[in-house]
C-alpha atoms as a PDB file:
ATOM      1  CA  MET A   1     -43.873  39.945 -26.204  1.00  0.00           C
ATOM      2  CA  ARG A   2     -47.503  39.680 -27.275  1.00  0.00           C
ATOM      3  CA  VAL A   3     -47.952  43.452 -27.268  1.00  0.00           C
ATOM      4  CA  ARG A   4     -44.713  44.004 -29.165  1.00  0.00           C
ATOM      5  CA  SER A   5     -45.657  41.368 -31.726  1.00  0.00           C
ATOM      6  CA  ARG A   6     -49.071  42.947 -32.281  1.00  0.00           C
ATOM      7  CA  ALA A   7     -47.525  46.388 -32.663  1.00  0.00           C
ATOM      8  CA  HIS A   8     -45.056  44.988 -35.169  1.00  0.00           C
ATOM      9  CA  ARG A   9     -47.826  43.389 -37.225  1.00  0.00           C
ATOM     10  CA  LEU A  10     -49.894  46.561 -37.192  1.00  0.00           C
ATOM     11  CA  SER A  11     -46.943  48.602 -38.370  1.00  0.00           C
ATOM     12  CA  ILE A  12     -46.155  46.818 -41.597  1.00  0.00           C
ATOM     13  CA  GLY A  13     -48.140  47.659 -44.672  1.00  0.00           C
ATOM     14  CA  PHE A  14     -48.158  51.392 -44.185  1.00  0.00           C
ATOM     15  CA  ALA A  15     -44.745  51.555 -45.850  1.00  0.00           C
ATOM     16  CA  VAL A  16     -46.153  50.138 -49.069  1.00  0.00           C
ATOM     17  CA  ALA A  17     -45.727  53.381 -50.973  1.00  0.00           C
ATOM     18  CA  ALA A  18     -42.040  52.633 -50.904  1.00  0.00           C
ATOM     19  CA  THR A  19     -42.725  49.358 -52.675  1.00  0.00           C
ATOM     20  CA  LEU A  20     -44.101  50.849 -55.816  1.00  0.00           C
ATOM     21  CA  THR A  21     -42.695  54.338 -55.903  1.00  0.00           C
ATOM     22  CA  ALA A  22     -40.104  53.403 -58.496  1.00  0.00           C
ATOM     23  CA  ALA A  23     -42.748  52.013 -60.805  1.00  0.00           C
ATOM     24  CA  ALA A  24     -44.926  55.018 -60.086  1.00  0.00           C
ATOM     25  CA  THR A  25     -42.349  57.672 -60.876  1.00  0.00           C
ATOM     26  CA  SER A  26     -43.383  57.883 -64.511  1.00  0.00           C
ATOM     27  CA  ALA A  27     -47.050  57.935 -63.530  1.00  0.00           C
ATOM     28  CA  TYR A  28     -46.406  60.849 -61.212  1.00  0.00           C
ATOM     29  CA  ALA A  29     -44.471  62.693 -63.878  1.00  0.00           C
ATOM     30  CA  GLN A  30     -47.445  62.381 -66.209  1.00  0.00           C
ATOM     31  CA  THR A  31     -49.879  63.866 -63.730  1.00  0.00           C
ATOM     32  CA  ALA A  32     -47.921  66.950 -62.674  1.00  0.00           C
ATOM     33  CA  PRO A  33     -45.199  69.167 -64.158  1.00  0.00           C
ATOM     34  CA  PRO A  34     -42.835  69.570 -61.179  1.00  0.00           C
ATOM     35  CA  PRO A  35     -39.110  70.308 -61.265  1.00  0.00           C
ATOM     36  CA  ALA A  36     -36.619  67.629 -62.322  1.00  0.00           C
ATOM     37  CA  ASN A  37     -37.008  65.855 -58.992  1.00  0.00           C
ATOM     38  CA  PRO A  38     -40.682  65.992 -57.939  1.00  0.00           C
ATOM     39  CA  TRP A  39     -39.818  64.599 -54.524  1.00  0.00           C
ATOM     40  CA  ALA A  40     -37.617  67.619 -53.842  1.00  0.00           C
ATOM     41  CA  SER A  41     -39.896  70.336 -55.175  1.00  0.00           C
ATOM     42  CA  GLY A  42     -39.136  72.602 -52.256  1.00  0.00           C
ATOM     43  CA  THR A  43     -41.413  74.169 -49.694  1.00  0.00           C
ATOM     44  CA  ASP A  44     -40.964  77.923 -49.647  1.00  0.00           C
ATOM     45  CA  THR A  45     -38.363  80.549 -50.347  1.00  0.00           C
ATOM     46  CA  ALA A  46     -37.634  81.059 -46.654  1.00  0.00           C
ATOM     47  CA  LYS A  47     -36.986  77.513 -45.582  1.00  0.00           C
ATOM     48  CA  PRO A  48     -36.577  77.384 -41.797  1.00  0.00           C
ATOM     49  CA  ALA A  49     -33.494  76.030 -40.125  1.00  0.00           C
ATOM     50  CA  GLY A  50     -33.824  72.371 -39.279  1.00  0.00           C
ATOM     51  CA  ARG A  51     -33.430  70.996 -35.788  1.00  0.00           C
ATOM     52  CA  TYR A  52     -32.790  67.645 -34.156  1.00  0.00           C
ATOM     53  CA  ALA A  53     -34.518  66.133 -31.148  1.00  0.00           C
ATOM     54  CA  ASP A  54     -32.881  63.305 -29.204  1.00  0.00           C
ATOM     55  CA  VAL A  55     -35.773  60.916 -28.605  1.00  0.00           C
ATOM     56  CA  ASN A  56     -35.875  57.152 -28.110  1.00  0.00           C
ATOM     57  CA  GLY A  57     -32.207  56.805 -29.059  1.00  0.00           C
ATOM     58  CA  ILE A  58     -32.669  58.507 -32.421  1.00  0.00           C
ATOM     59  CA  LYS A  59     -31.740  62.016 -33.577  1.00  0.00           C
ATOM     60  CA  LEU A  60     -35.046  62.992 -35.161  1.00  0.00           C
ATOM     61  CA  TYR A  61     -34.884  65.816 -37.701  1.00  0.00           C
ATOM     62  CA  TYR A  62     -37.745  68.321 -37.888  1.00  0.00           C
ATOM     63  CA  GLU A  63     -38.550  71.768 -39.217  1.00  0.00           C
ATOM     64  CA  ILE A  64     -41.081  74.327 -38.003  1.00  0.00           C
ATOM     65  CA  HIS A  65     -42.907  76.220 -40.736  1.00  0.00           C
ATOM     66  CA  GLY A  66     -45.548  78.925 -40.587  1.00  0.00           C
ATOM     67  CA  PRO A  67     -46.611  81.392 -37.891  1.00  0.00           C
ATOM     68  CA  GLY A  68     -45.511  81.103 -34.308  1.00  0.00           C
ATOM     69  CA  ALA A  69     -47.706  79.528 -31.672  1.00  0.00           C
ATOM     70  CA  GLY A  70     -50.837  81.548 -31.060  1.00  0.00           C
ATOM     71  CA  GLN A  71     -50.779  83.235 -34.499  1.00  0.00           C
ATOM     72  CA  GLY A  72     -52.436  80.505 -36.532  1.00  0.00           C
ATOM     73  CA  THR A  73     -55.990  79.270 -36.619  1.00  0.00           C
ATOM     74  CA  ARG A  74     -57.753  77.497 -33.774  1.00  0.00           C
ATOM     75  CA  SER A  75     -55.579  79.126 -31.097  1.00  0.00           C
ATOM     76  CA  GLY A  76     -52.448  78.332 -33.092  1.00  0.00           C
ATOM     77  CA  ARG A  77     -52.686  74.550 -32.727  1.00  0.00           C
ATOM     78  CA  PRO A  78     -49.701  73.116 -34.613  1.00  0.00           C
ATOM     79  CA  LEU A  79     -49.847  70.374 -37.207  1.00  0.00           C
ATOM     80  CA  ILE A  80     -47.396  67.465 -37.221  1.00  0.00           C
ATOM     81  CA  LEU A  81     -46.758  66.488 -40.873  1.00  0.00           C
ATOM     82  CA  LEU A  82     -45.389  63.028 -41.743  1.00  0.00           C
ATOM     83  CA  HIS A  83     -44.075  61.958 -45.162  1.00  0.00           C
ATOM     84  CA  GLY A  84     -44.397  58.663 -47.029  1.00  0.00           C
ATOM     85  CA  GLY A  85     -41.973  55.773 -47.427  1.00  0.00           C
ATOM     86  CA  LEU A  86     -38.685  56.651 -49.187  1.00  0.00           C
ATOM     87  CA  GLY A  87     -39.668  60.299 -48.957  1.00  0.00           C
ATOM     88  CA  ALA A  88     -38.757  63.257 -46.775  1.00  0.00           C
ATOM     89  CA  ILE A  89     -40.209  66.618 -45.760  1.00  0.00           C
ATOM     90  CA  GLU A  90     -39.379  67.975 -49.243  1.00  0.00           C
ATOM     91  CA  MET A  91     -41.870  65.683 -50.972  1.00  0.00           C
ATOM     92  CA  PHE A  92     -44.798  67.778 -49.725  1.00  0.00           C
ATOM     93  CA  GLY A  93     -43.583  70.845 -51.639  1.00  0.00           C
ATOM     94  CA  PRO A  94     -46.500  73.250 -52.184  1.00  0.00           C
ATOM     95  CA  THR A  95     -48.704  71.270 -49.807  1.00  0.00           C
ATOM     96  CA  LEU A  96     -46.477  72.193 -46.878  1.00  0.00           C
ATOM     97  CA  THR A  97     -46.315  75.812 -47.989  1.00  0.00           C
ATOM     98  CA  ALA A  98     -50.108  76.046 -48.200  1.00  0.00           C
ATOM     99  CA  LEU A  99     -50.697  74.308 -44.859  1.00  0.00           C
ATOM    100  CA  ALA A 100     -48.210  76.620 -43.127  1.00  0.00           C
ATOM    101  CA  LYS A 101     -50.088  79.753 -44.201  1.00  0.00           C
ATOM    102  CA  GLY A 102     -52.660  79.238 -41.479  1.00  0.00           C
ATOM    103  CA  ARG A 103     -50.857  77.252 -38.797  1.00  0.00           C
ATOM    104  CA  GLN A 104     -47.529  76.215 -37.427  1.00  0.00           C
ATOM    105  CA  VAL A 105     -46.411  73.017 -39.180  1.00  0.00           C
ATOM    106  CA  VAL A 106     -43.864  70.709 -37.582  1.00  0.00           C
ATOM    107  CA  ALA A 107     -42.585  68.579 -40.476  1.00  0.00           C
ATOM    108  CA  VAL A 108     -40.593  65.485 -39.566  1.00  0.00           C
ATOM    109  CA  ASP A 109     -38.079  63.218 -41.314  1.00  0.00           C
ATOM    110  CA  LEU A 110     -38.862  59.753 -39.962  1.00  0.00           C
ATOM    111  CA  GLN A 111     -36.376  57.011 -39.039  1.00  0.00           C
ATOM    112  CA  GLY A 112     -33.876  56.348 -41.840  1.00  0.00           C
ATOM    113  CA  HIS A 113     -35.444  58.984 -44.093  1.00  0.00           C
ATOM    114  CA  GLY A 114     -34.292  62.441 -45.123  1.00  0.00           C
ATOM    115  CA  ARG A 115     -31.888  63.892 -42.579  1.00  0.00           C
ATOM    116  CA  THR A 116     -32.737  61.399 -39.837  1.00  0.00           C
ATOM    117  CA  ALA A 117     -30.146  58.621 -39.795  1.00  0.00           C
ATOM    118  CA  ASP A 118     -31.231  55.035 -39.251  1.00  0.00           C
ATOM    119  CA  ILE A 119     -30.529  53.278 -35.966  1.00  0.00           C
ATOM    120  CA  ASP A 120     -30.218  49.642 -34.939  1.00  0.00           C
ATOM    121  CA  ARG A 121     -33.868  48.679 -34.635  1.00  0.00           C
ATOM    122  CA  PRO A 122     -36.656  47.526 -36.988  1.00  0.00           C
ATOM    123  CA  MET A 123     -38.384  50.124 -39.146  1.00  0.00           C
ATOM    124  CA  THR A 124     -42.025  49.910 -38.118  1.00  0.00           C
ATOM    125  CA  VAL A 125     -44.746  52.513 -37.861  1.00  0.00           C
ATOM    126  CA  ALA A 126     -45.319  51.528 -34.242  1.00  0.00           C
ATOM    127  CA  LEU A 127     -41.756  52.476 -33.298  1.00  0.00           C
ATOM    128  CA  MET A 128     -41.788  55.604 -35.447  1.00  0.00           C
ATOM    129  CA  ALA A 129     -45.062  56.614 -33.792  1.00  0.00           C
ATOM    130  CA  GLY A 130     -43.235  56.423 -30.480  1.00  0.00           C
ATOM    131  CA  ASP A 131     -40.650  58.836 -31.885  1.00  0.00           C
ATOM    132  CA  VAL A 132     -43.343  61.288 -32.975  1.00  0.00           C
ATOM    133  CA  ALA A 133     -45.090  61.055 -29.608  1.00  0.00           C
ATOM    134  CA  ALA A 134     -41.766  61.739 -27.892  1.00  0.00           C
ATOM    135  CA  LEU A 135     -41.194  64.726 -30.199  1.00  0.00           C
ATOM    136  CA  ILE A 136     -44.605  66.165 -29.275  1.00  0.00           C
ATOM    137  CA  THR A 137     -43.645  65.867 -25.625  1.00  0.00           C
ATOM    138  CA  HIS A 138     -40.160  67.251 -26.290  1.00  0.00           C
ATOM    139  CA  LEU A 139     -41.624  70.345 -27.968  1.00  0.00           C
ATOM    140  CA  LYS A 140     -44.271  70.678 -25.229  1.00  0.00           C
ATOM    141  CA  LEU A 141     -47.060  70.859 -27.781  1.00  0.00           C
ATOM    142  CA  ASP A 142     -50.633  70.818 -26.512  1.00  0.00           C
ATOM    143  CA  ARG A 143     -52.513  68.178 -28.508  1.00  0.00           C
ATOM    144  CA  PRO A 144     -51.343  69.122 -31.999  1.00  0.00           C
ATOM    145  CA  ASP A 145     -53.157  67.857 -35.055  1.00  0.00           C
ATOM    146  CA  VAL A 146     -51.325  65.015 -36.816  1.00  0.00           C
ATOM    147  CA  MET A 147     -51.347  64.379 -40.568  1.00  0.00           C
ATOM    148  CA  GLY A 148     -49.561  61.633 -42.441  1.00  0.00           C
ATOM    149  CA  TYR A 149     -49.372  60.334 -45.996  1.00  0.00           C
ATOM    150  CA  SER A 150     -48.957  56.613 -46.806  1.00  0.00           C
ATOM    151  CA  MET A 151     -46.322  55.266 -44.387  1.00  0.00           C
ATOM    152  CA  GLY A 152     -46.609  58.576 -42.533  1.00  0.00           C
ATOM    153  CA  GLY A 153     -50.351  57.992 -42.339  1.00  0.00           C
ATOM    154  CA  GLY A 154     -49.657  54.685 -40.631  1.00  0.00           C
ATOM    155  CA  VAL A 155     -47.377  56.455 -38.170  1.00  0.00           C
ATOM    156  CA  ALA A 156     -50.032  59.112 -37.509  1.00  0.00           C
ATOM    157  CA  LEU A 157     -52.631  56.403 -36.977  1.00  0.00           C
ATOM    158  CA  GLN A 158     -50.409  54.663 -34.449  1.00  0.00           C
ATOM    159  CA  VAL A 159     -49.780  57.913 -32.556  1.00  0.00           C
ATOM    160  CA  ALA A 160     -53.549  58.300 -32.159  1.00  0.00           C
ATOM    161  CA  ILE A 161     -53.862  54.666 -31.056  1.00  0.00           C
ATOM    162  CA  GLN A 162     -50.895  54.579 -28.682  1.00  0.00           C
ATOM    163  CA  ARG A 163     -51.108  58.090 -27.238  1.00  0.00           C
ATOM    164  CA  PRO A 164     -54.626  59.461 -27.774  1.00  0.00           C
ATOM    165  CA  GLU A 165     -54.082  62.181 -25.190  1.00  0.00           C
ATOM    166  CA  LEU A 166     -51.448  63.777 -27.441  1.00  0.00           C
ATOM    167  CA  VAL A 167     -53.567  64.182 -30.591  1.00  0.00           C
ATOM    168  CA  GLY A 168     -56.066  66.907 -31.449  1.00  0.00           C
ATOM    169  CA  ARG A 169     -57.320  65.990 -34.905  1.00  0.00           C
ATOM    170  CA  LEU A 170     -56.044  63.277 -37.208  1.00  0.00           C
ATOM    171  CA  VAL A 171     -55.644  63.287 -41.004  1.00  0.00           C
ATOM    172  CA  ILE A 172     -54.859  59.987 -42.735  1.00  0.00           C
ATOM    173  CA  VAL A 173     -53.960  60.283 -46.425  1.00  0.00           C
ATOM    174  CA  SER A 174     -53.758  57.354 -48.852  1.00  0.00           C
ATOM    175  CA  THR A 175     -53.164  54.790 -46.106  1.00  0.00           C
ATOM    176  CA  PRO A 176     -54.700  51.295 -45.738  1.00  0.00           C
ATOM    177  CA  PHE A 177     -55.545  49.944 -42.304  1.00  0.00           C
ATOM    178  CA  ARG A 178     -55.356  46.259 -43.236  1.00  0.00           C
ATOM    179  CA  ARG A 179     -52.779  44.524 -45.422  1.00  0.00           C
ATOM    180  CA  ASN A 180     -55.309  42.714 -47.590  1.00  0.00           C
ATOM    181  CA  GLY A 181     -56.910  46.057 -48.359  1.00  0.00           C
ATOM    182  CA  PHE A 182     -54.282  46.567 -51.069  1.00  0.00           C
ATOM    183  CA  TYR A 183     -55.025  45.485 -54.605  1.00  0.00           C
ATOM    184  CA  PRO A 184     -53.601  41.993 -55.286  1.00  0.00           C
ATOM    185  CA  GLU A 185     -51.002  43.310 -57.725  1.00  0.00           C
ATOM    186  CA  ILE A 186     -49.674  45.638 -55.033  1.00  0.00           C
ATOM    187  CA  LEU A 187     -49.268  42.783 -52.582  1.00  0.00           C
ATOM    188  CA  ALA A 188     -47.464  40.767 -55.254  1.00  0.00           C
ATOM    189  CA  GLN A 189     -44.814  43.458 -55.608  1.00  0.00           C
ATOM    190  CA  GLN A 190     -44.054  43.868 -51.921  1.00  0.00           C
ATOM    191  CA  ASP A 191     -41.654  40.939 -51.833  1.00  0.00           C
ATOM    192  CA  GLN A 192     -39.401  42.683 -54.368  1.00  0.00           C
ATOM    193  CA  VAL A 193     -38.604  45.760 -52.309  1.00  0.00           C
ATOM    194  CA  ALA A 194     -35.575  44.487 -50.400  1.00  0.00           C
ATOM    195  CA  GLY A 195     -33.705  43.733 -53.622  1.00  0.00           C
ATOM    196  CA  MET A 196     -34.539  46.947 -55.446  1.00  0.00           C
ATOM    197  CA  ALA A 197     -31.853  49.221 -53.960  1.00  0.00           C
ATOM    198  CA  GLU A 198     -29.540  49.243 -56.973  1.00  0.00           C
ATOM    199  CA  ALA A 199     -32.303  49.517 -59.558  1.00  0.00           C
ATOM    200  CA  MET A 200     -33.872  52.440 -57.747  1.00  0.00           C
ATOM    201  CA  LYS A 201     -30.722  54.550 -57.875  1.00  0.00           C
ATOM    202  CA  GLU A 202     -32.063  56.023 -61.117  1.00  0.00           C
ATOM    203  CA  THR A 203     -35.235  57.309 -59.428  1.00  0.00           C
ATOM    204  CA  PRO A 204     -36.121  60.692 -57.880  1.00  0.00           C
ATOM    205  CA  MET A 205     -36.499  58.965 -54.509  1.00  0.00           C
ATOM    206  CA  TYR A 206     -32.833  58.004 -54.466  1.00  0.00           C
ATOM    207  CA  GLN A 207     -31.785  61.415 -55.726  1.00  0.00           C
ATOM    208  CA  LEU A 208     -33.618  63.016 -52.823  1.00  0.00           C
ATOM    209  CA  TYR A 209     -32.245  60.484 -50.350  1.00  0.00           C
ATOM    210  CA  GLN A 210     -28.602  60.863 -51.362  1.00  0.00           C
ATOM    211  CA  SER A 211     -28.889  64.652 -51.260  1.00  0.00           C
ATOM    212  CA  LEU A 212     -30.185  64.678 -47.672  1.00  0.00           C
ATOM    213  CA  ALA A 213     -29.142  61.527 -45.820  1.00  0.00           C
ATOM    214  CA  PRO A 214     -26.353  61.743 -43.236  1.00  0.00           C
ATOM    215  CA  ARG A 215     -25.153  58.383 -44.593  1.00  0.00           C
ATOM    216  CA  PRO A 216     -26.202  57.948 -48.251  1.00  0.00           C
ATOM    217  CA  GLU A 217     -24.541  54.527 -48.229  1.00  0.00           C
ATOM    218  CA  ASP A 218     -27.445  53.325 -46.038  1.00  0.00           C
ATOM    219  CA  TRP A 219     -29.786  53.245 -49.058  1.00  0.00           C
ATOM    220  CA  PRO A 220     -29.715  49.415 -49.397  1.00  0.00           C
ATOM    221  CA  ARG A 221     -30.289  49.130 -45.645  1.00  0.00           C
ATOM    222  CA  LEU A 222     -33.388  51.338 -45.922  1.00  0.00           C
ATOM    223  CA  LEU A 223     -34.840  49.257 -48.756  1.00  0.00           C
ATOM    224  CA  THR A 224     -34.076  46.029 -46.909  1.00  0.00           C
ATOM    225  CA  LYS A 225     -35.764  47.184 -43.707  1.00  0.00           C
ATOM    226  CA  ILE A 226     -38.867  48.445 -45.460  1.00  0.00           C
ATOM    227  CA  GLY A 227     -39.037  45.305 -47.577  1.00  0.00           C
ATOM    228  CA  GLU A 228     -38.803  43.057 -44.541  1.00  0.00           C
ATOM    229  CA  SER A 229     -41.479  44.967 -42.683  1.00  0.00           C
ATOM    230  CA  MET A 230     -43.953  44.742 -45.549  1.00  0.00           C
ATOM    231  CA  LYS A 231     -43.936  40.944 -45.493  1.00  0.00           C
ATOM    232  CA  VAL A 232     -45.731  40.882 -42.144  1.00  0.00           C
ATOM    233  CA  ASP A 233     -49.529  40.873 -41.995  1.00  0.00           C
ATOM    234  CA  PHE A 234     -51.387  43.656 -40.161  1.00  0.00           C
ATOM    235  CA  ASP A 235     -54.933  44.680 -39.322  1.00  0.00           C
ATOM    236  CA  CYS A 236     -55.788  47.784 -37.265  1.00  0.00           C
ATOM    237  CA  SER A 237     -59.568  47.360 -37.329  1.00  0.00           C
ATOM    238  CA  LYS A 238     -60.072  46.931 -33.604  1.00  0.00           C
ATOM    239  CA  GLN A 239     -57.659  49.717 -32.694  1.00  0.00           C
ATOM    240  CA  ILE A 240     -59.217  52.187 -35.154  1.00  0.00           C
ATOM    241  CA  ALA A 241     -62.629  51.665 -33.617  1.00  0.00           C
ATOM    242  CA  GLY A 242     -61.202  53.026 -30.365  1.00  0.00           C
ATOM    243  CA  ILE A 243     -59.689  56.227 -31.797  1.00  0.00           C
ATOM    244  CA  THR A 244     -61.163  59.274 -30.087  1.00  0.00           C
ATOM    245  CA  ALA A 245     -59.610  62.050 -32.190  1.00  0.00           C
ATOM    246  CA  PRO A 246     -61.834  63.501 -34.935  1.00  0.00           C
ATOM    247  CA  THR A 247     -60.361  61.969 -38.079  1.00  0.00           C
ATOM    248  CA  LEU A 248     -60.332  62.864 -41.756  1.00  0.00           C
ATOM    249  CA  ILE A 249     -59.656  59.986 -44.148  1.00  0.00           C
ATOM    250  CA  VAL A 250     -58.442  61.020 -47.607  1.00  0.00           C
ATOM    251  CA  ALA A 251     -57.905  58.652 -50.524  1.00  0.00           C
ATOM    252  CA  GLY A 252     -57.825  58.842 -54.286  1.00  0.00           C
ATOM    253  CA  ASP A 253     -60.373  56.968 -56.345  1.00  0.00           C
ATOM    254  CA  ALA A 254     -57.386  55.438 -58.178  1.00  0.00           C
ATOM    255  CA  ASP A 255     -55.347  54.707 -55.051  1.00  0.00           C
ATOM    256  CA  LEU A 256     -53.400  51.576 -54.009  1.00  0.00           C
ATOM    257  CA  PHE A 257     -56.640  50.209 -52.571  1.00  0.00           C
ATOM    258  CA  PRO A 258     -60.285  50.495 -53.664  1.00  0.00           C
ATOM    259  CA  PRO A 259     -62.435  53.356 -52.354  1.00  0.00           C
ATOM    260  CA  SER A 260     -64.472  50.768 -50.465  1.00  0.00           C
ATOM    261  CA  HIS A 261     -61.480  50.218 -48.157  1.00  0.00           C
ATOM    262  CA  ALA A 262     -61.485  53.890 -47.157  1.00  0.00           C
ATOM    263  CA  VAL A 263     -65.255  53.717 -46.701  1.00  0.00           C
ATOM    264  CA  GLU A 264     -64.780  50.723 -44.398  1.00  0.00           C
ATOM    265  CA  MET A 265     -62.282  52.661 -42.312  1.00  0.00           C
ATOM    266  CA  PHE A 266     -64.736  55.544 -42.114  1.00  0.00           C
ATOM    267  CA  GLY A 267     -67.326  53.090 -40.826  1.00  0.00           C
ATOM    268  CA  LEU A 268     -64.979  51.874 -38.102  1.00  0.00           C
ATOM    269  CA  LEU A 269     -64.771  55.485 -36.909  1.00  0.00           C
ATOM    270  CA  GLY A 270     -68.563  55.721 -36.705  1.00  0.00           C
ATOM    271  CA  GLY A 271     -69.169  57.266 -40.102  1.00  0.00           C
ATOM    272  CA  GLY A 272     -71.843  56.282 -42.590  1.00  0.00           C
ATOM    273  CA  GLN A 273     -74.208  54.938 -39.946  1.00  0.00           C
ATOM    274  CA  ARG A 274     -77.127  57.348 -40.284  1.00  0.00           C
ATOM    275  CA  ASP A 275     -78.499  60.429 -41.989  1.00  0.00           C
ATOM    276  CA  GLY A 276     -76.748  63.629 -40.926  1.00  0.00           C
ATOM    277  CA  GLY A 277     -80.047  65.461 -40.527  1.00  0.00           C
ATOM    278  CA  TRP A 278     -81.350  68.655 -42.115  1.00  0.00           C
ATOM    279  CA  ASP A 279     -79.359  70.719 -39.619  1.00  0.00           C
ATOM    280  CA  GLY A 280     -76.263  68.517 -39.745  1.00  0.00           C
ATOM    281  CA  ALA A 281     -76.624  67.521 -36.113  1.00  0.00           C
ATOM    282  CA  GLY A 282     -76.292  63.842 -36.975  1.00  0.00           C
ATOM    283  CA  ARG A 283     -72.964  64.134 -38.750  1.00  0.00           C
ATOM    284  CA  PRO A 284     -70.130  61.975 -37.374  1.00  0.00           C
ATOM    285  CA  THR A 285     -67.102  63.645 -35.840  1.00  0.00           C
ATOM    286  CA  SER A 286     -64.901  62.029 -38.480  1.00  0.00           C
ATOM    287  CA  GLN A 287     -64.987  62.693 -42.221  1.00  0.00           C
ATOM    288  CA  LEU A 288     -64.218  60.902 -45.486  1.00  0.00           C
ATOM    289  CA  ALA A 289     -62.955  62.386 -48.757  1.00  0.00           C
ATOM    290  CA  ILE A 290     -62.449  60.360 -51.933  1.00  0.00           C
ATOM    291  CA  LEU A 291     -60.647  62.625 -54.412  1.00  0.00           C
ATOM    292  CA  PRO A 292     -61.644  61.933 -58.031  1.00  0.00           C
ATOM    293  CA  GLY A 293     -58.928  61.089 -60.506  1.00  0.00           C
ATOM    294  CA  ARG A 294     -56.176  61.074 -57.872  1.00  0.00           C
ATOM    295  CA  THR A 295     -53.575  58.332 -57.463  1.00  0.00           C
ATOM    296  CA  HIS A 296     -51.344  57.364 -54.574  1.00  0.00           C
ATOM    297  CA  TYR A 297     -48.324  58.770 -56.340  1.00  0.00           C
ATOM    298  CA  ALA A 298     -49.431  62.383 -56.744  1.00  0.00           C
ATOM    299  CA  ILE A 299     -52.035  63.005 -54.064  1.00  0.00           C
ATOM    300  CA  PHE A 300     -49.489  64.309 -51.528  1.00  0.00           C
ATOM    301  CA  SER A 301     -48.762  67.416 -53.616  1.00  0.00           C
ATOM    302  CA  ASP A 302     -52.168  67.880 -55.237  1.00  0.00           C
ATOM    303  CA  PRO A 303     -53.903  71.214 -54.474  1.00  0.00           C
ATOM    304  CA  ALA A 304     -57.107  69.265 -53.829  1.00  0.00           C
ATOM    305  CA  LEU A 305     -55.491  67.743 -50.746  1.00  0.00           C
ATOM    306  CA  VAL A 306     -54.980  71.127 -49.073  1.00  0.00           C
ATOM    307  CA  GLU A 307     -58.456  72.238 -50.143  1.00  0.00           C
ATOM    308  CA  THR A 308     -59.846  69.173 -48.380  1.00  0.00           C
ATOM    309  CA  VAL A 309     -57.687  69.176 -45.261  1.00  0.00           C
ATOM    310  CA  VAL A 310     -57.685  72.842 -44.235  1.00  0.00           C
ATOM    311  CA  PRO A 311     -61.461  73.177 -43.671  1.00  0.00           C
ATOM    312  CA  PHE A 312     -61.378  70.054 -41.507  1.00  0.00           C
ATOM    313  CA  LEU A 313     -58.544  71.378 -39.372  1.00  0.00           C
ATOM    314  CA  ASP A 314     -60.047  74.852 -39.084  1.00  0.00           C
ATOM    315  CA  ALA A 315     -63.696  74.009 -38.493  1.00  0.00           C
ATOM    316  CA  PRO A 316     -64.971  74.737 -34.973  1.00  0.00           C
ATOM    317  CA  ALA A 317     -67.112  71.990 -33.517  1.00  0.00           C
ATOM    318  CA  ALA A 318     -68.764  71.714 -30.139  1.00  0.00           C
ATOM    319  CA  GLY A 319     -67.437  68.850 -28.101  1.00  0.00           C
ATOM    320  CA  ARG A 320     -64.433  68.311 -30.350  1.00  0.00           C
ATOM    321  CA  PRO A 321     -60.830  69.395 -29.856  1.00  0.00           C
END
């Protein structure tokens, strides 16, 4: 019970994007000129057929984009791509298309999101990480890289913590590792999520959900579960310090949390401890990128994200996966 309780606490705040997405819709619309529904901007003209994997009692939906195994970079190592709260694979739009040009991308709809129906269990990143780990095993992937945004970043983080042997490199985008890392006004809005289902039916998030979900009537259930989970405190500091996968932390300088929070996470991974040296030999295995002028609500489809992530995934490094 102690382990389960700790996992539950650690899994909470990563869904916070879902808390404020409704309020952020207009902000996102002002920063990019996507189609009518920015969360369903599409991926490419040849969208692959989706598949389901029966794992942990859930029918987990996923799609495989890009070249086949062995045709991409770094011996074709695949990338697991995980969306944010109230989102789905479609929210990545051009980001997914760009990532899939050089590697096989396995994009996943997490529990209760997109085409993956909810099941009778809490919605926590710890449990969803178990689903992703089971999917990696199901697909017989050899230490794929794992990338997640917001709630998906929390799931990715938990995969690396729970099953380090399954992860090659790790990319965490716009994701706090401790609940009090959020700005106070963000924390103040978390309690409102469970009751926002009806009000959010006018948002792009609901439009995407109702167009994809096996049971669109589960929308209030999704908001309730996410809202309940966000009321629980969490702190992954000790677990992050034990992550062995080379990790890239990406945040906007106008994110849900101050840049100093991302810098602190970088420090827990061994970054920022010493000079890298004239030859770069002293650089840490993990990296930090603070993207100027980027917010939580647009970073997932910003070209700067791909420009930052791809070199990290592609770079050869002695002694690293």
